[in-house]
N, C-alpha and C. Protein backbone atom coordinates (compact mmCIF):
# COMPACT_ATOMS: atom_id res chain seq x y z
N ARG A 1 144.83 143.33 110.04
CA ARG A 1 143.59 144.10 110.16
C ARG A 1 143.44 145.06 108.98
N LYS A 2 142.25 145.04 108.36
CA LYS A 2 142.03 145.89 107.19
C LYS A 2 141.82 147.33 107.64
N LYS A 3 142.34 148.23 106.85
CA LYS A 3 142.18 149.66 107.13
C LYS A 3 140.70 150.04 107.03
N GLY A 4 140.25 150.82 108.04
CA GLY A 4 138.86 151.29 108.01
C GLY A 4 137.93 150.42 108.78
N ASN A 5 138.37 149.25 109.31
CA ASN A 5 137.51 148.38 110.10
C ASN A 5 137.97 148.40 111.55
N ASN A 6 137.05 148.08 112.46
CA ASN A 6 137.46 147.94 113.85
C ASN A 6 137.93 146.51 114.07
N ARG A 7 138.22 146.19 115.30
CA ARG A 7 138.82 144.89 115.59
C ARG A 7 137.90 143.72 115.26
N ARG A 8 136.59 143.95 115.27
CA ARG A 8 135.65 142.86 114.98
C ARG A 8 135.20 142.86 113.51
N GLY A 9 135.84 143.66 112.73
CA GLY A 9 135.51 143.67 111.31
C GLY A 9 134.34 144.57 110.97
N MET A 10 133.82 145.37 111.89
CA MET A 10 132.69 146.27 111.63
C MET A 10 133.21 147.57 111.00
N PRO A 11 132.64 148.02 109.91
CA PRO A 11 133.07 149.28 109.30
C PRO A 11 132.94 150.42 110.29
N LEU A 12 133.92 151.32 110.28
CA LEU A 12 133.92 152.41 111.26
C LEU A 12 132.73 153.35 111.08
N PHE A 13 132.20 153.45 109.84
CA PHE A 13 131.09 154.38 109.61
C PHE A 13 129.76 153.86 110.16
N LEU A 14 129.67 152.55 110.45
CA LEU A 14 128.39 151.98 110.86
C LEU A 14 127.87 152.53 112.19
N PRO A 15 128.69 152.63 113.24
CA PRO A 15 128.18 153.22 114.49
C PRO A 15 127.66 154.64 114.29
N ASN A 16 128.36 155.45 113.47
CA ASN A 16 127.90 156.82 113.20
C ASN A 16 126.57 156.81 112.47
N PHE A 17 126.43 155.89 111.52
CA PHE A 17 125.18 155.79 110.77
C PHE A 17 124.01 155.43 111.69
N LEU A 18 124.26 154.45 112.58
CA LEU A 18 123.21 154.03 113.52
C LEU A 18 122.83 155.17 114.46
N PHE A 19 123.83 155.95 114.87
CA PHE A 19 123.56 157.08 115.76
C PHE A 19 122.69 158.11 115.05
N LEU A 20 123.03 158.43 113.81
CA LEU A 20 122.24 159.40 113.04
C LEU A 20 120.83 158.89 112.78
N LEU A 21 120.72 157.58 112.54
CA LEU A 21 119.40 156.99 112.32
C LEU A 21 118.54 157.11 113.57
N LEU A 22 119.15 156.87 114.73
CA LEU A 22 118.42 156.99 115.99
C LEU A 22 117.95 158.42 116.22
N ILE A 23 118.82 159.40 115.97
CA ILE A 23 118.45 160.81 116.14
C ILE A 23 117.32 161.18 115.19
N SER A 24 117.38 160.68 113.96
CA SER A 24 116.33 160.98 112.97
C SER A 24 114.99 160.42 113.43
N CYS A 25 114.99 159.20 113.96
CA CYS A 25 113.75 158.58 114.44
C CYS A 25 113.15 159.38 115.59
N ILE A 26 114.03 159.87 116.47
CA ILE A 26 113.55 160.66 117.61
C ILE A 26 112.90 161.95 117.14
N ILE A 27 113.54 162.62 116.16
CA ILE A 27 113.00 163.88 115.63
C ILE A 27 111.67 163.65 114.94
N ILE A 28 111.59 162.61 114.11
CA ILE A 28 110.35 162.30 113.40
C ILE A 28 109.23 161.98 114.39
N SER A 29 109.57 161.23 115.42
CA SER A 29 108.58 160.88 116.44
C SER A 29 108.07 162.10 117.17
N PHE A 30 108.98 163.04 117.47
CA PHE A 30 108.59 164.26 118.17
C PHE A 30 107.68 165.13 117.32
N VAL A 31 108.07 165.30 116.04
CA VAL A 31 107.26 166.12 115.13
C VAL A 31 105.89 165.50 114.95
N GLY A 32 105.83 164.17 114.76
CA GLY A 32 104.54 163.50 114.59
C GLY A 32 103.67 163.62 115.82
N SER A 33 104.30 163.48 116.99
CA SER A 33 103.55 163.59 118.24
C SER A 33 102.98 164.98 118.42
N PHE A 34 103.77 166.01 118.05
CA PHE A 34 103.31 167.40 118.17
C PHE A 34 102.14 167.65 117.23
N ALA A 35 102.26 167.18 115.98
CA ALA A 35 101.18 167.38 115.01
C ALA A 35 99.91 166.70 115.46
N PHE A 36 100.04 165.46 115.97
CA PHE A 36 98.86 164.73 116.44
C PHE A 36 98.24 165.43 117.64
N SER A 37 99.08 165.92 118.55
CA SER A 37 98.58 166.61 119.73
C SER A 37 97.84 167.87 119.35
N PHE A 38 98.40 168.62 118.37
CA PHE A 38 97.76 169.86 117.93
C PHE A 38 96.42 169.57 117.28
N SER A 39 96.41 168.55 116.40
CA SER A 39 95.17 168.16 115.73
C SER A 39 94.12 167.71 116.73
N THR A 40 94.55 166.96 117.75
CA THR A 40 93.62 166.47 118.76
C THR A 40 93.02 167.61 119.56
N ARG A 41 93.85 168.59 119.91
CA ARG A 41 93.36 169.74 120.67
C ARG A 41 92.35 170.52 119.86
N MET A 42 92.63 170.71 118.56
CA MET A 42 91.74 171.47 117.71
C MET A 42 90.41 170.76 117.54
N SER A 43 90.44 169.42 117.46
CA SER A 43 89.20 168.68 117.21
C SER A 43 88.41 168.45 118.48
N SER A 44 89.10 168.29 119.61
CA SER A 44 88.40 167.96 120.84
C SER A 44 87.80 169.18 121.52
N SER A 45 88.30 170.36 121.19
CA SER A 45 87.76 171.59 121.76
C SER A 45 86.54 172.02 120.96
N ALA A 46 85.37 171.93 121.57
CA ALA A 46 84.13 172.23 120.85
C ALA A 46 84.09 173.69 120.40
N ALA A 47 83.58 173.92 119.21
CA ALA A 47 83.48 175.26 118.66
C ALA A 47 82.48 176.09 119.45
N GLN A 48 82.76 177.37 119.56
CA GLN A 48 81.83 178.30 120.19
C GLN A 48 80.77 178.74 119.17
N LEU A 49 79.62 179.11 119.69
CA LEU A 49 78.55 179.65 118.85
C LEU A 49 78.36 181.12 119.14
N HIS A 50 78.38 181.93 118.08
CA HIS A 50 78.14 183.37 118.19
C HIS A 50 76.87 183.68 117.39
N ILE A 51 75.83 184.15 118.07
CA ILE A 51 74.60 184.55 117.39
C ILE A 51 74.63 186.07 117.27
N LEU A 52 74.79 186.53 116.03
CA LEU A 52 75.08 187.94 115.79
C LEU A 52 74.05 188.59 114.87
N LYS A 53 74.06 189.90 114.90
CA LYS A 53 73.20 190.66 114.00
C LYS A 53 74.05 191.33 112.93
N LEU A 54 73.46 191.57 111.79
CA LEU A 54 74.12 192.30 110.72
C LEU A 54 73.88 193.79 110.90
N PRO A 55 74.82 194.63 110.46
CA PRO A 55 74.65 196.08 110.65
C PRO A 55 73.45 196.65 109.92
N GLU A 56 73.03 195.99 108.84
CA GLU A 56 71.86 196.40 108.08
C GLU A 56 71.12 195.15 107.61
N ASN A 57 69.84 195.30 107.38
CA ASN A 57 69.06 194.20 106.83
C ASN A 57 69.45 194.02 105.37
N PRO A 58 70.12 192.91 105.03
CA PRO A 58 70.61 192.76 103.64
C PRO A 58 69.50 192.66 102.62
N PHE A 59 68.33 192.16 103.02
CA PHE A 59 67.23 192.03 102.08
C PHE A 59 66.68 193.40 101.69
N GLU A 60 66.92 194.39 102.53
CA GLU A 60 66.55 195.77 102.20
C GLU A 60 67.72 196.51 101.57
N LYS A 61 68.91 196.30 102.13
CA LYS A 61 70.11 196.98 101.62
C LYS A 61 70.38 196.61 100.16
N TYR A 62 70.16 195.34 99.82
CA TYR A 62 70.46 194.86 98.48
C TYR A 62 69.19 194.41 97.76
N LYS A 63 68.10 195.11 97.99
CA LYS A 63 66.82 194.67 97.43
C LYS A 63 66.78 194.67 95.90
N GLU A 64 67.68 195.45 95.28
CA GLU A 64 67.73 195.48 93.82
C GLU A 64 68.59 194.36 93.25
N ASP A 65 69.26 193.64 94.13
CA ASP A 65 70.11 192.52 93.70
C ASP A 65 69.26 191.25 93.64
N GLU A 66 68.62 191.04 92.51
CA GLU A 66 67.69 189.92 92.36
C GLU A 66 68.39 188.57 92.34
N GLU A 67 69.70 188.57 92.08
CA GLU A 67 70.45 187.32 92.03
C GLU A 67 71.12 187.01 93.37
N TYR A 68 70.90 187.84 94.36
CA TYR A 68 71.46 187.64 95.70
C TYR A 68 72.98 187.47 95.66
N GLN A 69 73.63 188.30 94.86
CA GLN A 69 75.08 188.22 94.80
C GLN A 69 75.73 188.59 96.13
N TRP A 70 75.04 189.37 96.93
CA TRP A 70 75.62 189.79 98.22
C TRP A 70 75.90 188.60 99.14
N LEU A 71 75.21 187.49 98.90
CA LEU A 71 75.48 186.30 99.71
C LEU A 71 76.87 185.72 99.41
N ARG A 72 77.43 186.08 98.26
CA ARG A 72 78.76 185.58 97.89
C ARG A 72 79.86 186.61 98.14
N TYR A 73 79.47 187.74 98.74
CA TYR A 73 80.50 188.71 99.12
C TYR A 73 81.42 188.09 100.17
N ARG A 74 82.59 188.67 100.30
CA ARG A 74 83.49 188.26 101.39
C ARG A 74 83.10 189.04 102.63
N TRP A 75 82.60 188.32 103.61
CA TRP A 75 82.14 188.94 104.85
C TRP A 75 83.28 188.91 105.86
N TYR A 76 83.57 190.07 106.42
CA TYR A 76 84.66 190.18 107.39
C TYR A 76 84.08 190.60 108.75
N LEU A 77 84.35 189.80 109.74
CA LEU A 77 83.87 190.08 111.10
C LEU A 77 84.95 190.83 111.87
N VAL A 78 84.54 191.90 112.54
CA VAL A 78 85.48 192.73 113.29
C VAL A 78 85.04 192.76 114.75
N ALA A 79 85.98 192.49 115.64
CA ALA A 79 85.70 192.56 117.08
C ALA A 79 86.89 193.18 117.77
N GLU A 80 86.66 194.26 118.50
CA GLU A 80 87.75 194.87 119.24
C GLU A 80 88.22 193.93 120.33
N GLU A 81 89.54 193.93 120.58
CA GLU A 81 90.11 193.00 121.55
C GLU A 81 89.45 193.14 122.92
N GLU A 82 89.25 194.39 123.36
CA GLU A 82 88.71 194.58 124.69
C GLU A 82 87.23 194.19 124.78
N GLU A 83 86.59 194.02 123.61
CA GLU A 83 85.18 193.66 123.61
C GLU A 83 84.95 192.17 123.35
N GLU A 84 86.03 191.45 123.05
CA GLU A 84 85.86 190.06 122.64
C GLU A 84 85.48 189.14 123.78
N GLU A 85 85.88 189.49 125.00
CA GLU A 85 85.70 188.55 126.09
C GLU A 85 85.24 189.27 127.34
N ASP A 86 84.25 188.72 128.00
CA ASP A 86 83.77 189.26 129.26
C ASP A 86 84.50 188.55 130.39
N SER A 87 85.45 189.24 131.02
CA SER A 87 86.30 188.60 132.02
C SER A 87 85.53 188.21 133.27
N ASP A 88 84.34 188.79 133.47
CA ASP A 88 83.55 188.49 134.66
C ASP A 88 82.52 187.41 134.41
N ASN A 89 82.48 186.91 133.17
CA ASN A 89 81.46 185.93 132.84
C ASN A 89 82.05 184.91 131.89
N ASN A 90 82.26 183.69 132.37
CA ASN A 90 82.87 182.66 131.55
C ASN A 90 81.84 181.72 130.94
N THR A 91 80.58 182.11 130.94
CA THR A 91 79.54 181.25 130.40
C THR A 91 79.73 181.03 128.91
N SER A 92 79.24 179.90 128.42
CA SER A 92 79.34 179.60 126.99
C SER A 92 78.07 179.97 126.25
N SER A 93 77.23 180.78 126.88
CA SER A 93 75.97 181.18 126.27
C SER A 93 76.23 181.89 124.94
N SER A 94 75.37 181.62 123.97
CA SER A 94 75.52 182.23 122.65
C SER A 94 75.17 183.71 122.67
N THR A 95 74.57 184.20 123.76
CA THR A 95 74.21 185.61 123.86
C THR A 95 75.19 186.37 124.74
N THR A 96 76.37 185.82 124.97
CA THR A 96 77.43 186.48 125.72
C THR A 96 78.62 186.69 124.80
N LYS A 97 79.20 187.89 124.84
CA LYS A 97 80.35 188.16 124.00
C LYS A 97 81.50 187.26 124.39
N LYS A 98 82.09 186.62 123.38
CA LYS A 98 83.18 185.71 123.62
C LYS A 98 84.32 186.02 122.65
N LYS A 99 85.52 185.66 123.06
CA LYS A 99 86.67 185.85 122.18
C LYS A 99 86.53 184.93 120.97
N ILE A 100 86.71 185.49 119.81
CA ILE A 100 86.57 184.72 118.58
C ILE A 100 87.76 183.77 118.43
N GLN A 101 87.45 182.52 118.09
CA GLN A 101 88.47 181.52 117.87
C GLN A 101 88.35 180.97 116.45
N PRO A 102 89.46 180.55 115.85
CA PRO A 102 89.39 179.97 114.50
C PRO A 102 88.41 178.80 114.46
N GLY A 103 87.57 178.80 113.43
CA GLY A 103 86.62 177.70 113.26
C GLY A 103 85.32 177.85 114.03
N ASP A 104 85.15 178.94 114.78
CA ASP A 104 83.90 179.13 115.52
C ASP A 104 82.70 179.20 114.57
N VAL A 105 81.53 178.92 115.14
CA VAL A 105 80.28 178.98 114.38
C VAL A 105 79.63 180.35 114.59
N VAL A 106 79.24 180.97 113.49
CA VAL A 106 78.53 182.25 113.55
C VAL A 106 77.17 182.08 112.90
N CYS A 107 76.16 182.58 113.58
CA CYS A 107 74.78 182.49 113.09
C CYS A 107 74.20 183.89 112.98
N PHE A 108 73.62 184.20 111.82
CA PHE A 108 72.91 185.46 111.60
C PHE A 108 71.44 185.12 111.39
N PRO A 109 70.62 185.13 112.45
CA PRO A 109 69.22 184.70 112.33
C PRO A 109 68.43 185.45 111.27
N ILE A 110 68.82 186.70 110.98
CA ILE A 110 68.05 187.48 110.01
C ILE A 110 68.12 186.87 108.61
N LEU A 111 69.10 186.01 108.36
CA LEU A 111 69.24 185.39 107.04
C LEU A 111 68.23 184.27 106.81
N ASN A 112 67.63 183.78 107.88
CA ASN A 112 66.68 182.68 107.74
C ASN A 112 65.37 183.15 107.11
N THR A 113 65.03 182.57 105.98
CA THR A 113 63.80 182.94 105.27
C THR A 113 62.73 181.86 105.42
N GLY A 114 63.10 180.71 105.98
CA GLY A 114 62.18 179.60 106.07
C GLY A 114 62.45 178.53 105.03
N ALA A 115 63.39 178.80 104.12
CA ALA A 115 63.69 177.83 103.07
C ALA A 115 64.52 176.66 103.61
N GLY A 116 65.29 176.91 104.66
CA GLY A 116 66.13 175.87 105.25
C GLY A 116 66.73 176.34 106.55
N GLU A 117 67.11 175.40 107.40
CA GLU A 117 67.59 175.77 108.73
C GLU A 117 69.01 176.30 108.75
N PHE A 118 69.75 176.20 107.64
CA PHE A 118 71.16 176.55 107.68
C PHE A 118 71.51 177.76 106.80
N GLU A 119 70.51 178.53 106.43
CA GLU A 119 70.77 179.75 105.67
C GLU A 119 71.65 180.72 106.46
N CYS A 120 71.55 180.66 107.77
CA CYS A 120 72.20 181.63 108.65
C CYS A 120 73.64 181.26 109.00
N LEU A 121 74.13 180.11 108.57
CA LEU A 121 75.37 179.55 109.10
C LEU A 121 76.63 180.06 108.38
N ARG A 122 77.59 180.49 109.19
CA ARG A 122 78.92 180.85 108.72
C ARG A 122 79.96 180.27 109.69
N PHE A 123 81.18 180.07 109.18
CA PHE A 123 82.29 179.61 110.01
C PHE A 123 83.38 180.67 110.02
N VAL A 124 83.98 180.88 111.18
CA VAL A 124 85.13 181.78 111.26
C VAL A 124 86.32 181.09 110.60
N ASP A 125 87.04 181.82 109.77
CA ASP A 125 88.18 181.27 109.05
C ASP A 125 89.24 180.73 110.02
N THR A 126 90.13 179.91 109.50
CA THR A 126 91.12 179.26 110.35
C THR A 126 92.25 180.19 110.78
N LYS A 127 92.40 181.33 110.11
CA LYS A 127 93.44 182.29 110.48
C LYS A 127 92.88 183.71 110.43
N ARG A 128 93.34 184.52 111.36
CA ARG A 128 92.94 185.92 111.38
C ARG A 128 93.77 186.72 110.38
N ARG A 129 93.15 187.66 109.71
CA ARG A 129 93.86 188.48 108.74
C ARG A 129 94.81 189.45 109.44
N PRO A 130 95.84 189.92 108.72
CA PRO A 130 96.78 190.88 109.31
C PRO A 130 96.11 192.17 109.80
N ASP A 131 94.98 192.56 109.17
CA ASP A 131 94.29 193.78 109.58
C ASP A 131 93.37 193.55 110.77
N GLY A 132 93.37 192.33 111.33
CA GLY A 132 92.58 192.05 112.51
C GLY A 132 91.19 191.52 112.23
N LYS A 133 90.79 191.47 110.96
CA LYS A 133 89.45 190.98 110.62
C LYS A 133 89.46 189.47 110.45
N TRP A 134 88.27 188.88 110.61
CA TRP A 134 88.09 187.45 110.41
C TRP A 134 87.19 187.23 109.20
N LEU A 135 87.67 186.49 108.22
CA LEU A 135 86.82 186.13 107.09
C LEU A 135 85.80 185.09 107.56
N LEU A 136 84.55 185.28 107.16
CA LEU A 136 83.49 184.32 107.49
C LEU A 136 83.25 183.42 106.28
N LEU A 137 83.37 182.14 106.49
CA LEU A 137 83.19 181.16 105.42
C LEU A 137 81.74 180.69 105.37
N ASP A 138 81.21 180.60 104.18
CA ASP A 138 79.82 180.16 104.01
C ASP A 138 79.68 178.70 104.42
N GLY A 139 78.75 178.44 105.33
CA GLY A 139 78.49 177.07 105.77
C GLY A 139 77.08 176.63 105.50
N SER A 140 76.35 177.42 104.70
CA SER A 140 74.92 177.16 104.50
C SER A 140 74.65 175.92 103.65
N GLY A 141 75.67 175.42 102.97
CA GLY A 141 75.49 174.20 102.18
C GLY A 141 74.35 174.33 101.18
N ASP A 142 73.42 173.38 101.22
CA ASP A 142 72.25 173.47 100.35
C ASP A 142 71.07 174.06 101.12
N ILE A 143 71.36 174.74 102.23
CA ILE A 143 70.47 175.40 103.19
C ILE A 143 69.63 174.43 104.01
N GLU A 144 69.42 173.23 103.50
CA GLU A 144 68.71 172.22 104.28
C GLU A 144 69.68 171.40 105.12
N MET A 145 70.93 171.33 104.69
CA MET A 145 72.01 170.69 105.41
C MET A 145 73.25 171.58 105.31
N PRO A 146 74.06 171.63 106.35
CA PRO A 146 75.25 172.50 106.30
C PRO A 146 76.30 171.94 105.35
N GLY A 147 77.22 172.81 104.95
CA GLY A 147 78.37 172.38 104.16
C GLY A 147 79.64 172.86 104.85
N PHE A 148 80.51 171.95 105.22
CA PHE A 148 81.73 172.31 105.94
C PHE A 148 82.84 172.65 104.95
N PRO A 149 83.37 173.88 105.01
CA PRO A 149 84.46 174.25 104.11
C PRO A 149 85.66 173.33 104.29
N GLN A 150 86.39 173.11 103.23
CA GLN A 150 87.52 172.19 103.28
C GLN A 150 88.56 172.62 104.30
N SER A 151 88.81 173.94 104.39
CA SER A 151 89.81 174.42 105.35
C SER A 151 89.40 174.13 106.79
N ILE A 152 88.11 174.12 107.05
CA ILE A 152 87.62 173.82 108.40
C ILE A 152 87.82 172.33 108.71
N VAL A 153 87.51 171.48 107.74
CA VAL A 153 87.69 170.04 107.92
C VAL A 153 89.17 169.72 108.13
N GLU A 154 90.03 170.37 107.38
CA GLU A 154 91.47 170.15 107.53
C GLU A 154 91.96 170.64 108.89
N MET A 155 91.40 171.74 109.36
CA MET A 155 91.81 172.30 110.64
C MET A 155 91.58 171.33 111.79
N VAL A 156 90.45 170.61 111.75
CA VAL A 156 90.12 169.69 112.84
C VAL A 156 90.74 168.31 112.65
N GLY A 157 91.46 168.13 111.54
CA GLY A 157 92.15 166.85 111.33
C GLY A 157 91.36 165.81 110.57
N GLY A 158 90.33 166.24 109.84
CA GLY A 158 89.58 165.29 109.02
C GLY A 158 88.12 165.17 109.43
N LYS A 159 87.34 164.54 108.56
CA LYS A 159 85.90 164.41 108.78
C LYS A 159 85.57 163.68 110.07
N GLN A 160 86.45 162.77 110.48
CA GLN A 160 86.17 161.97 111.68
C GLN A 160 86.12 162.82 112.95
N ASN A 161 86.64 164.05 112.88
CA ASN A 161 86.66 164.92 114.06
C ASN A 161 85.61 166.04 114.01
N VAL A 162 84.89 166.13 112.90
CA VAL A 162 83.92 167.22 112.74
C VAL A 162 82.81 167.14 113.78
N ARG A 163 82.36 165.93 114.08
CA ARG A 163 81.26 165.78 115.05
C ARG A 163 81.64 166.34 116.41
N ASP A 164 82.82 165.96 116.93
CA ASP A 164 83.24 166.43 118.25
C ASP A 164 83.37 167.95 118.28
N LYS A 165 83.78 168.52 117.16
CA LYS A 165 84.00 169.96 117.10
C LYS A 165 82.70 170.75 116.97
N TYR A 166 81.73 170.23 116.17
CA TYR A 166 80.61 171.07 115.76
C TYR A 166 79.21 170.61 116.16
N LYS A 167 79.05 169.41 116.66
CA LYS A 167 77.71 168.94 116.96
C LYS A 167 76.98 169.86 117.96
N LYS A 168 77.63 170.19 119.06
CA LYS A 168 76.97 170.99 120.08
C LYS A 168 76.63 172.38 119.56
N ALA A 169 77.57 173.02 118.87
CA ALA A 169 77.33 174.37 118.36
C ALA A 169 76.17 174.40 117.37
N LEU A 170 76.12 173.41 116.47
CA LEU A 170 75.03 173.39 115.49
C LEU A 170 73.70 173.05 116.15
N ASP A 171 73.70 172.15 117.12
CA ASP A 171 72.46 171.84 117.84
C ASP A 171 71.97 173.07 118.60
N ASP A 172 72.89 173.81 119.22
CA ASP A 172 72.51 175.03 119.94
C ASP A 172 71.96 176.07 118.98
N MET A 173 72.57 176.18 117.80
CA MET A 173 72.09 177.12 116.80
C MET A 173 70.67 176.77 116.34
N LEU A 174 70.47 175.48 116.06
CA LEU A 174 69.14 175.03 115.62
C LEU A 174 68.10 175.23 116.71
N GLU A 175 68.50 174.95 117.95
CA GLU A 175 67.57 175.14 119.07
C GLU A 175 67.17 176.60 119.19
N HIS A 176 68.14 177.49 119.01
CA HIS A 176 67.86 178.93 119.12
C HIS A 176 66.97 179.43 117.99
N CYS A 177 67.26 178.99 116.77
CA CYS A 177 66.57 179.53 115.60
C CYS A 177 65.30 178.77 115.23
N SER A 178 65.29 177.44 115.45
CA SER A 178 64.19 176.63 114.96
C SER A 178 63.58 175.70 116.00
N SER A 179 64.07 175.77 117.24
CA SER A 179 63.57 174.92 118.33
C SER A 179 63.66 173.44 117.98
N CYS A 180 64.80 173.06 117.37
CA CYS A 180 65.02 171.66 117.02
C CYS A 180 66.51 171.35 117.09
N THR A 181 66.87 170.10 116.84
CA THR A 181 68.27 169.69 116.80
C THR A 181 68.53 168.96 115.49
N MET A 182 69.78 168.60 115.25
CA MET A 182 70.11 167.86 114.04
C MET A 182 69.38 166.51 114.02
N GLU A 183 69.28 165.89 115.17
CA GLU A 183 68.57 164.61 115.25
C GLU A 183 67.11 164.77 114.83
N ASP A 184 66.48 165.87 115.26
CA ASP A 184 65.09 166.11 114.88
C ASP A 184 64.96 166.23 113.36
N ILE A 185 65.87 166.96 112.75
CA ILE A 185 65.82 167.17 111.30
C ILE A 185 65.99 165.85 110.55
N LEU A 186 66.84 164.98 111.11
CA LEU A 186 67.17 163.73 110.43
C LEU A 186 66.35 162.55 110.93
N GLY A 187 65.24 162.82 111.54
CA GLY A 187 64.33 161.75 111.94
C GLY A 187 64.74 160.99 113.18
N GLY A 188 65.53 161.63 114.06
CA GLY A 188 65.87 161.02 115.34
C GLY A 188 67.23 160.37 115.41
N ASP A 189 67.97 160.33 114.29
CA ASP A 189 69.29 159.70 114.30
C ASP A 189 70.21 160.47 113.36
N ASP A 190 71.24 161.10 113.95
CA ASP A 190 72.16 161.89 113.13
C ASP A 190 73.53 161.23 112.98
N ASP A 191 73.65 159.97 113.39
CA ASP A 191 74.95 159.28 113.31
C ASP A 191 75.49 159.21 111.89
N GLU A 192 74.63 158.85 110.95
CA GLU A 192 75.07 158.72 109.56
C GLU A 192 75.57 160.05 109.02
N PHE A 193 74.90 161.14 109.41
CA PHE A 193 75.32 162.47 108.96
C PHE A 193 76.73 162.78 109.45
N TRP A 194 76.98 162.55 110.74
CA TRP A 194 78.28 162.91 111.32
C TRP A 194 79.39 161.96 110.89
N GLN A 195 79.06 160.77 110.46
CA GLN A 195 80.08 159.85 109.98
C GLN A 195 80.68 160.33 108.66
N ASP A 196 79.88 161.04 107.88
CA ASP A 196 80.36 161.56 106.60
C ASP A 196 79.74 162.94 106.36
N PRO A 197 80.15 163.93 107.16
CA PRO A 197 79.54 165.26 107.05
C PRO A 197 79.81 165.88 105.68
N PRO A 198 78.81 166.55 105.11
CA PRO A 198 78.98 167.13 103.77
C PRO A 198 79.96 168.30 103.77
N MET A 199 80.77 168.36 102.73
CA MET A 199 81.73 169.45 102.58
C MET A 199 81.25 170.44 101.53
N ASP A 200 81.61 171.69 101.72
CA ASP A 200 81.26 172.73 100.75
C ASP A 200 82.37 172.81 99.71
N THR A 201 82.05 172.39 98.51
CA THR A 201 83.05 172.41 97.43
C THR A 201 82.60 173.28 96.26
N THR A 202 81.51 174.03 96.44
CA THR A 202 80.94 174.77 95.31
C THR A 202 80.92 176.28 95.50
N THR A 203 81.09 176.77 96.73
CA THR A 203 80.97 178.20 96.97
C THR A 203 82.07 178.98 96.24
N GLU A 204 81.66 179.95 95.45
CA GLU A 204 82.59 180.85 94.79
C GLU A 204 82.27 182.26 95.25
N TYR A 205 83.27 182.90 95.84
CA TYR A 205 83.04 184.23 96.39
C TYR A 205 83.12 185.30 95.31
N HIS A 206 82.38 186.38 95.54
CA HIS A 206 82.33 187.51 94.61
C HIS A 206 83.74 188.08 94.45
N GLU A 207 84.08 188.50 93.23
CA GLU A 207 85.44 188.97 92.96
C GLU A 207 85.79 190.23 93.75
N THR A 208 84.84 191.13 93.90
CA THR A 208 85.16 192.42 94.54
C THR A 208 84.27 192.75 95.73
N GLY A 209 83.11 192.13 95.83
CA GLY A 209 82.17 192.49 96.88
C GLY A 209 82.67 192.13 98.27
N GLU A 210 82.60 193.07 99.20
CA GLU A 210 83.00 192.85 100.58
C GLU A 210 81.97 193.47 101.52
N TRP A 211 81.91 192.93 102.72
CA TRP A 211 81.02 193.48 103.75
C TRP A 211 81.71 193.33 105.10
N THR A 212 81.97 194.46 105.75
CA THR A 212 82.59 194.45 107.08
C THR A 212 81.50 194.49 108.13
N ILE A 213 81.55 193.55 109.05
CA ILE A 213 80.47 193.35 110.02
C ILE A 213 81.02 193.48 111.44
N PRO A 214 80.55 194.45 112.22
CA PRO A 214 80.99 194.56 113.61
C PRO A 214 80.37 193.45 114.46
N TYR A 215 81.06 193.07 115.52
CA TYR A 215 80.57 192.01 116.41
C TYR A 215 79.44 192.58 117.27
N GLN A 216 78.22 192.22 116.94
CA GLN A 216 77.04 192.66 117.70
C GLN A 216 76.14 191.45 117.98
N ILE A 217 75.94 191.16 119.24
CA ILE A 217 75.11 190.02 119.61
C ILE A 217 73.66 190.30 119.27
N ASP A 218 72.99 189.30 118.76
CA ASP A 218 71.58 189.40 118.39
C ASP A 218 70.73 188.77 119.50
N ASN A 219 70.06 189.60 120.26
CA ASN A 219 69.19 189.12 121.34
C ASN A 219 67.72 189.20 120.96
N GLU A 220 67.44 189.54 119.72
CA GLU A 220 66.06 189.70 119.28
C GLU A 220 65.44 188.37 118.87
N GLU A 221 64.14 188.32 118.91
CA GLU A 221 63.43 187.14 118.43
C GLU A 221 63.09 187.34 116.95
N HIS A 222 63.30 186.28 116.16
CA HIS A 222 63.04 186.38 114.72
C HIS A 222 61.96 185.39 114.32
């Protein structure tokens, strides 16, 4: 019998190698399953819609800014924990205070000038800042169609999940602001839009400009 082999001629290291390979496969399978489950939960849970007011009318506050640089400021949304959620009312109404979640849709009706239906659109960033504020990402696209920030698309696991996450919120926003839906805008069929939703790849934020915005529901008609 050769040294280092078992009675059947199998190298002694082979069973150990197979055992380690099996453990590795189990770990990889677990990690993959967790990632897929997380991605599925993020994409299948429809985004909330928050219809909010700005603390000041920006068209008056920045009336001397002819280039509308204030639109590229970093907007930070602030909501006190005790004010984020109404424990006695679990409705999904856009006029009810709700706890802010990553990727939620925020609409500021005062931004609508009539040039396009999506001037008012912002997305809550995928992570909350250490100071408790939420960065609002520009979703106005070309104002006639929304533009989904890359971080938002990545959060939901790719373009194929954007429809499940955002269709209802955007339709509710359009219904509130313009009495229409995405299907109405696109001539009765929005399937092609949701199959390849446009991404925002051009927005460049102002180097220093910031605007802190308290969470205030907008119940006014515009």
